[in-house]
Amino acid sequence: MDGRRARPAFPSLNVCGRTKTFYKSPSNHHDHPPDQEPIPLPDIDLKDAASFDWWTDVSIRFSDQDPNLHVNNTAFAQYAEAGRVDYLNAMRRHLGIEPRSALASVQISYVNQLHYPGNVRVGTRLLRLGNKSYTLGQGLFAGDTVVATSEAVLVFFDYAKNASREVPAELRQAFENGARLVSD
């Protein structure tokens, strides 16, 4: 070893064919206090529609096309955003939790082409709930065909203080007790 201490690992998570292992941060920089370990989640395949309970339908616009007459990659980001916003609004309505957060990163994997006219079904679910952040996973589908997957990391944010904040205890408790958002 190169002199660094090995960090204890949390259970690995397989997402989109990649295995992710989350580590505890050094003691002076707690990502997860000892009493707030990450919520263990099952292996999730974002390319499988059965992985999602929450769905948002989005219409493909004529203006979403590029010169090759397929949907431009930037439109996929807008579809994923529509799904995220819908999921967060549902969290507010159904769980009574105000998920004030800032988007830290987004990763989109393009799987298949998409064409106008049509609709996209965006499945959204929680992948990870940390101490100050959470990760949402999404699958974008045209009919039964997956066209893209997305992972977005959001940080709970106190806009008055312009600083990140802890995950609300009621949200952590709801998900630890198995709460899920299910579309009508």
C-alpha atoms as a PDB file:
ATOM      1  CA  MET A   1       0.000   0.000   0.000  1.00  0.00           C
ATOM      2  CA  ASP A   2       1.207   3.572  -0.529  1.00  0.00           C
ATOM      3  CA  GLY A   3       0.839   4.729   3.088  1.00  0.00           C
ATOM      4  CA  ARG A   4      -2.844   5.600   2.850  1.00  0.00           C
ATOM      5  CA  ARG A   5      -5.284   3.808   5.109  1.00  0.00           C
ATOM      6  CA  ALA A   6      -7.848   1.618   3.410  1.00  0.00           C
ATOM      7  CA  ARG A   7     -11.300   3.135   3.662  1.00  0.00           C
ATOM      8  CA  PRO A   8     -14.193   0.912   4.701  1.00  0.00           C
ATOM      9  CA  ALA A   9     -16.520   0.280   1.796  1.00  0.00           C
ATOM     10  CA  PHE A  10     -20.285   0.329   1.733  1.00  0.00           C
ATOM     11  CA  PRO A  11     -22.095  -2.344  -0.252  1.00  0.00           C
ATOM     12  CA  SER A  12     -21.468  -2.069  -3.994  1.00  0.00           C
ATOM     13  CA  LEU A  13     -24.225  -0.973  -6.330  1.00  0.00           C
ATOM     14  CA  ASN A  14     -24.481  -2.178  -9.930  1.00  0.00           C
ATOM     15  CA  VAL A  15     -25.925   0.525 -12.159  1.00  0.00           C
ATOM     16  CA  CYS A  16     -25.978   0.338 -15.948  1.00  0.00           C
ATOM     17  CA  GLY A  17     -23.531  -2.547 -15.939  1.00  0.00           C
ATOM     18  CA  ARG A  18     -21.014  -0.668 -13.773  1.00  0.00           C
ATOM     19  CA  THR A  19     -20.296  -1.537 -10.176  1.00  0.00           C
ATOM     20  CA  LYS A  20     -19.986   1.404  -7.821  1.00  0.00           C
ATOM     21  CA  THR A  21     -18.582   1.145  -4.324  1.00  0.00           C
ATOM     22  CA  PHE A  22     -19.172   4.010  -1.934  1.00  0.00           C
ATOM     23  CA  TYR A  23     -16.591   4.707   0.769  1.00  0.00           C
ATOM     24  CA  LYS A  24     -16.706   6.394   4.115  1.00  0.00           C
ATOM     25  CA  SER A  25     -14.933   9.728   4.093  1.00  0.00           C
ATOM     26  CA  PRO A  26     -12.034  10.452   6.446  1.00  0.00           C
ATOM     27  CA  SER A  27     -13.197  11.272   9.982  1.00  0.00           C
ATOM     28  CA  ASN A  28     -12.682  15.010   9.536  1.00  0.00           C
ATOM     29  CA  HIS A  29     -14.917  15.064   6.467  1.00  0.00           C
ATOM     30  CA  HIS A  30     -17.938  12.877   7.255  1.00  0.00           C
ATOM     31  CA  ASP A  31     -20.047  11.993   4.270  1.00  0.00           C
ATOM     32  CA  HIS A  32     -22.134   9.631   6.387  1.00  0.00           C
ATOM     33  CA  PRO A  33     -22.119   9.914  10.177  1.00  0.00           C
ATOM     34  CA  PRO A  34     -21.892   6.491  11.857  1.00  0.00           C
ATOM     35  CA  ASP A  35     -25.604   6.571  12.701  1.00  0.00           C
ATOM     36  CA  GLN A  36     -26.546   7.442   9.108  1.00  0.00           C
ATOM     37  CA  GLU A  37     -25.128   4.784   6.809  1.00  0.00           C
ATOM     38  CA  PRO A  38     -26.336   4.914   3.195  1.00  0.00           C
ATOM     39  CA  ILE A  39     -29.629   3.206   2.569  1.00  0.00           C
ATOM     40  CA  PRO A  40     -28.897  -0.199   0.999  1.00  0.00           C
ATOM     41  CA  LEU A  41     -30.580  -0.555  -2.372  1.00  0.00           C
ATOM     42  CA  PRO A  42     -30.917  -3.623  -4.564  1.00  0.00           C
ATOM     43  CA  ASP A  43     -29.070  -4.011  -7.854  1.00  0.00           C
ATOM     44  CA  ILE A  44     -30.868  -1.737 -10.267  1.00  0.00           C
ATOM     45  CA  ASP A  45     -30.817  -1.984 -14.061  1.00  0.00           C
ATOM     46  CA  LEU A  46     -31.805   1.407 -15.450  1.00  0.00           C
ATOM     47  CA  LYS A  47     -32.391  -0.205 -18.863  1.00  0.00           C
ATOM     48  CA  ASP A  48     -35.194  -2.324 -17.386  1.00  0.00           C
ATOM     49  CA  ALA A  49     -38.601  -0.629 -17.195  1.00  0.00           C
ATOM     50  CA  ALA A  50     -39.506  -2.912 -14.269  1.00  0.00           C
ATOM     51  CA  SER A  51     -36.955  -0.985 -12.152  1.00  0.00           C
ATOM     52  CA  PHE A  52     -39.253   2.042 -12.014  1.00  0.00           C
ATOM     53  CA  ASP A  53     -42.474   2.855 -10.180  1.00  0.00           C
ATOM     54  CA  TRP A  54     -42.542   6.575 -11.032  1.00  0.00           C
ATOM     55  CA  TRP A  55     -43.192   7.580 -14.643  1.00  0.00           C
ATOM     56  CA  THR A  56     -43.363  10.902 -16.468  1.00  0.00           C
ATOM     57  CA  ASP A  57     -44.639  11.103 -20.047  1.00  0.00           C
ATOM     58  CA  VAL A  58     -42.979  13.699 -22.276  1.00  0.00           C
ATOM     59  CA  SER A  59     -44.007  14.605 -25.835  1.00  0.00           C
ATOM     60  CA  ILE A  60     -41.238  14.777 -28.412  1.00  0.00           C
ATOM     61  CA  ARG A  61     -41.318  18.191 -30.083  1.00  0.00           C
ATOM     62  CA  PHE A  62     -40.569  18.841 -33.740  1.00  0.00           C
ATOM     63  CA  SER A  63     -37.823  21.236 -32.594  1.00  0.00           C
ATOM     64  CA  ASP A  64     -36.091  18.385 -30.699  1.00  0.00           C
ATOM     65  CA  GLN A  65     -34.803  16.979 -34.010  1.00  0.00           C
ATOM     66  CA  ASP A  66     -31.357  17.595 -35.444  1.00  0.00           C
ATOM     67  CA  PRO A  67     -30.481  17.814 -39.174  1.00  0.00           C
ATOM     68  CA  ASN A  68     -30.310  13.983 -39.308  1.00  0.00           C
ATOM     69  CA  LEU A  69     -34.007  13.835 -38.328  1.00  0.00           C
ATOM     70  CA  HIS A  70     -33.475  12.087 -35.034  1.00  0.00           C
ATOM     71  CA  VAL A  71     -33.861  13.592 -31.579  1.00  0.00           C
ATOM     72  CA  ASN A  72     -30.793  15.638 -30.641  1.00  0.00           C
ATOM     73  CA  ASN A  73     -28.811  14.578 -27.579  1.00  0.00           C
ATOM     74  CA  THR A  74     -29.605  17.853 -25.786  1.00  0.00           C
ATOM     75  CA  ALA A  75     -33.317  16.985 -25.828  1.00  0.00           C
ATOM     76  CA  PHE A  76     -32.587  13.824 -23.807  1.00  0.00           C
ATOM     77  CA  ALA A  77     -31.265  16.058 -21.008  1.00  0.00           C
ATOM     78  CA  GLN A  78     -34.523  18.021 -21.081  1.00  0.00           C
ATOM     79  CA  TYR A  79     -36.589  14.816 -20.907  1.00  0.00           C
ATOM     80  CA  ALA A  80     -34.529  13.620 -17.923  1.00  0.00           C
ATOM     81  CA  GLU A  81     -34.974  17.021 -16.259  1.00  0.00           C
ATOM     82  CA  ALA A  82     -38.759  16.807 -16.732  1.00  0.00           C
ATOM     83  CA  GLY A  83     -38.730  13.403 -15.031  1.00  0.00           C
ATOM     84  CA  ARG A  84     -36.553  14.638 -12.145  1.00  0.00           C
ATOM     85  CA  VAL A  85     -38.717  17.699 -11.541  1.00  0.00           C
ATOM     86  CA  ASP A  86     -41.891  15.606 -11.654  1.00  0.00           C
ATOM     87  CA  TYR A  87     -40.373  13.117  -9.167  1.00  0.00           C
ATOM     88  CA  LEU A  88     -39.289  15.914  -6.790  1.00  0.00           C
ATOM     89  CA  ASN A  89     -42.729  17.544  -6.989  1.00  0.00           C
ATOM     90  CA  ALA A  90     -44.276  14.162  -6.167  1.00  0.00           C
ATOM     91  CA  MET A  91     -41.933  13.861  -3.180  1.00  0.00           C
ATOM     92  CA  ARG A  92     -43.290  17.193  -1.984  1.00  0.00           C
ATOM     93  CA  ARG A  93     -46.940  16.202  -2.539  1.00  0.00           C
ATOM     94  CA  HIS A  94     -46.914  12.581  -1.367  1.00  0.00           C
ATOM     95  CA  LEU A  95     -44.261  12.580   1.349  1.00  0.00           C
ATOM     96  CA  GLY A  96     -44.739  16.154   2.555  1.00  0.00           C
ATOM     97  CA  ILE A  97     -41.034  16.850   2.090  1.00  0.00           C
ATOM     98  CA  GLU A  98     -39.555  19.948   0.484  1.00  0.00           C
ATOM     99  CA  PRO A  99     -36.614  18.571  -1.549  1.00  0.00           C
ATOM    100  CA  ARG A 100     -34.791  21.898  -2.023  1.00  0.00           C
ATOM    101  CA  SER A 101     -31.678  20.800  -3.816  1.00  0.00           C
ATOM    102  CA  ALA A 102     -29.095  21.828  -6.393  1.00  0.00           C
ATOM    103  CA  LEU A 103     -28.013  19.678  -9.305  1.00  0.00           C
ATOM    104  CA  ALA A 104     -24.358  18.686  -8.858  1.00  0.00           C
ATOM    105  CA  SER A 105     -23.873  16.389 -11.852  1.00  0.00           C
ATOM    106  CA  VAL A 106     -25.716  14.561 -14.612  1.00  0.00           C
ATOM    107  CA  GLN A 107     -24.537  11.617 -16.661  1.00  0.00           C
ATOM    108  CA  ILE A 108     -26.534  10.403 -19.679  1.00  0.00           C
ATOM    109  CA  SER A 109     -25.865   7.219 -21.641  1.00  0.00           C
ATOM    110  CA  TYR A 110     -27.433   7.131 -25.078  1.00  0.00           C
ATOM    111  CA  VAL A 111     -28.661   3.650 -26.009  1.00  0.00           C
ATOM    112  CA  ASN A 112     -30.934   4.004 -29.064  1.00  0.00           C
ATOM    113  CA  GLN A 113     -32.056   6.698 -31.470  1.00  0.00           C
ATOM    114  CA  LEU A 114     -35.320   8.497 -30.912  1.00  0.00           C
ATOM    115  CA  HIS A 115     -37.516  10.062 -33.588  1.00  0.00           C
ATOM    116  CA  TYR A 116     -40.292  12.632 -33.909  1.00  0.00           C
ATOM    117  CA  PRO A 117     -43.270  12.320 -33.559  1.00  0.00           C
ATOM    118  CA  GLY A 118     -43.768  10.341 -30.398  1.00  0.00           C
ATOM    119  CA  ASN A 119     -43.543  10.244 -26.648  1.00  0.00           C
ATOM    120  CA  VAL A 120     -40.853   9.371 -24.154  1.00  0.00           C
ATOM    121  CA  ARG A 121     -41.634   7.665 -20.859  1.00  0.00           C
ATOM    122  CA  VAL A 122     -39.149   8.679 -18.192  1.00  0.00           C
ATOM    123  CA  GLY A 123     -38.835   6.318 -15.224  1.00  0.00           C
ATOM    124  CA  THR A 124     -37.235   7.892 -12.141  1.00  0.00           C
ATOM    125  CA  ARG A 125     -36.129   6.342  -8.859  1.00  0.00           C
ATOM    126  CA  LEU A 126     -33.802   6.871  -5.933  1.00  0.00           C
ATOM    127  CA  LEU A 127     -30.436   5.135  -6.342  1.00  0.00           C
ATOM    128  CA  ARG A 128     -28.584   6.459  -3.294  1.00  0.00           C
ATOM    129  CA  LEU A 129     -29.341   8.629  -0.290  1.00  0.00           C
ATOM    130  CA  GLY A 130     -26.268  10.061   1.374  1.00  0.00           C
ATOM    131  CA  ASN A 131     -25.743  12.566   4.155  1.00  0.00           C
ATOM    132  CA  LYS A 132     -26.146  15.742   2.075  1.00  0.00           C
ATOM    133  CA  SER A 133     -26.816  14.370  -1.386  1.00  0.00           C
ATOM    134  CA  TYR A 134     -28.861  11.828  -3.256  1.00  0.00           C
ATOM    135  CA  THR A 135     -28.667  10.168  -6.646  1.00  0.00           C
ATOM    136  CA  LEU A 136     -31.635   9.666  -8.935  1.00  0.00           C
ATOM    137  CA  GLY A 137     -31.523   7.044 -11.673  1.00  0.00           C
ATOM    138  CA  GLN A 138     -33.629   7.279 -14.798  1.00  0.00           C
ATOM    139  CA  GLY A 139     -34.536   5.200 -17.800  1.00  0.00           C
ATOM    140  CA  LEU A 140     -35.930   6.870 -20.918  1.00  0.00           C
ATOM    141  CA  PHE A 141     -38.164   4.640 -23.043  1.00  0.00           C
ATOM    142  CA  ALA A 142     -39.929   4.872 -26.399  1.00  0.00           C
ATOM    143  CA  GLY A 143     -42.567   2.183 -26.048  1.00  0.00           C
ATOM    144  CA  ASP A 144     -40.700  -0.854 -24.697  1.00  0.00           C
ATOM    145  CA  THR A 145     -37.334   0.282 -26.078  1.00  0.00           C
ATOM    146  CA  VAL A 146     -34.819   1.969 -23.798  1.00  0.00           C
ATOM    147  CA  VAL A 147     -33.320   5.001 -25.527  1.00  0.00           C
ATOM    148  CA  ALA A 148     -31.156   6.394 -22.710  1.00  0.00           C
ATOM    149  CA  THR A 149     -30.297   6.148 -19.032  1.00  0.00           C
ATOM    150  CA  SER A 150     -29.356   8.958 -16.702  1.00  0.00           C
ATOM    151  CA  GLU A 151     -27.911   9.416 -13.235  1.00  0.00           C
ATOM    152  CA  ALA A 152     -28.172  12.762 -11.470  1.00  0.00           C
ATOM    153  CA  VAL A 153     -26.543  13.725  -8.181  1.00  0.00           C
ATOM    154  CA  LEU A 154     -28.428  16.397  -6.273  1.00  0.00           C
ATOM    155  CA  VAL A 155     -27.270  18.151  -3.108  1.00  0.00           C
ATOM    156  CA  PHE A 156     -29.730  19.343  -0.481  1.00  0.00           C
ATOM    157  CA  PHE A 157     -29.266  23.075  -0.365  1.00  0.00           C
ATOM    158  CA  ASP A 158     -30.138  25.960   1.938  1.00  0.00           C
ATOM    159  CA  TYR A 159     -30.529  28.832  -0.499  1.00  0.00           C
ATOM    160  CA  ALA A 160     -30.773  31.443   2.272  1.00  0.00           C
ATOM    161  CA  LYS A 161     -27.329  30.417   3.588  1.00  0.00           C
ATOM    162  CA  ASN A 162     -25.974  29.479   0.142  1.00  0.00           C
ATOM    163  CA  ALA A 163     -24.694  26.198   1.575  1.00  0.00           C
ATOM    164  CA  SER A 164     -25.381  22.486   1.436  1.00  0.00           C
ATOM    165  CA  ARG A 165     -27.399  20.964   4.255  1.00  0.00           C
ATOM    166  CA  GLU A 166     -28.157  17.567   5.762  1.00  0.00           C
ATOM    167  CA  VAL A 167     -30.734  15.281   4.195  1.00  0.00           C
ATOM    168  CA  PRO A 168     -33.996  16.027   6.036  1.00  0.00           C
ATOM    169  CA  ALA A 169     -34.540  13.425   8.757  1.00  0.00           C
ATOM    170  CA  GLU A 170     -38.118  12.804   7.611  1.00  0.00           C
ATOM    171  CA  LEU A 171     -36.904  11.975   4.088  1.00  0.00           C
ATOM    172  CA  ARG A 172     -34.226   9.598   5.358  1.00  0.00           C
ATOM    173  CA  GLN A 173     -36.758   7.918   7.644  1.00  0.00           C
ATOM    174  CA  ALA A 174     -39.351   7.617   4.859  1.00  0.00           C
ATOM    175  CA  PHE A 175     -36.916   5.848   2.521  1.00  0.00           C
ATOM    176  CA  GLU A 176     -35.418   3.707   5.304  1.00  0.00           C
ATOM    177  CA  ASN A 177     -38.970   2.537   6.020  1.00  0.00           C
ATOM    178  CA  GLY A 178     -39.398   1.545   2.376  1.00  0.00           C
ATOM    179  CA  ALA A 179     -41.295   4.564   1.016  1.00  0.00           C
ATOM    180  CA  ARG A 180     -41.588   4.568  -2.762  1.00  0.00           C
ATOM    181  CA  LEU A 181     -43.194   6.996  -5.125  1.00  0.00           C
ATOM    182  CA  VAL A 182     -45.606   5.200  -7.448  1.00  0.00           C
ATOM    183  CA  SER A 183     -47.253   6.863 -10.465  1.00  0.00           C
ATOM    184  CA  ASP A 184     -51.026   6.771 -10.725  1.00  0.00           C
END
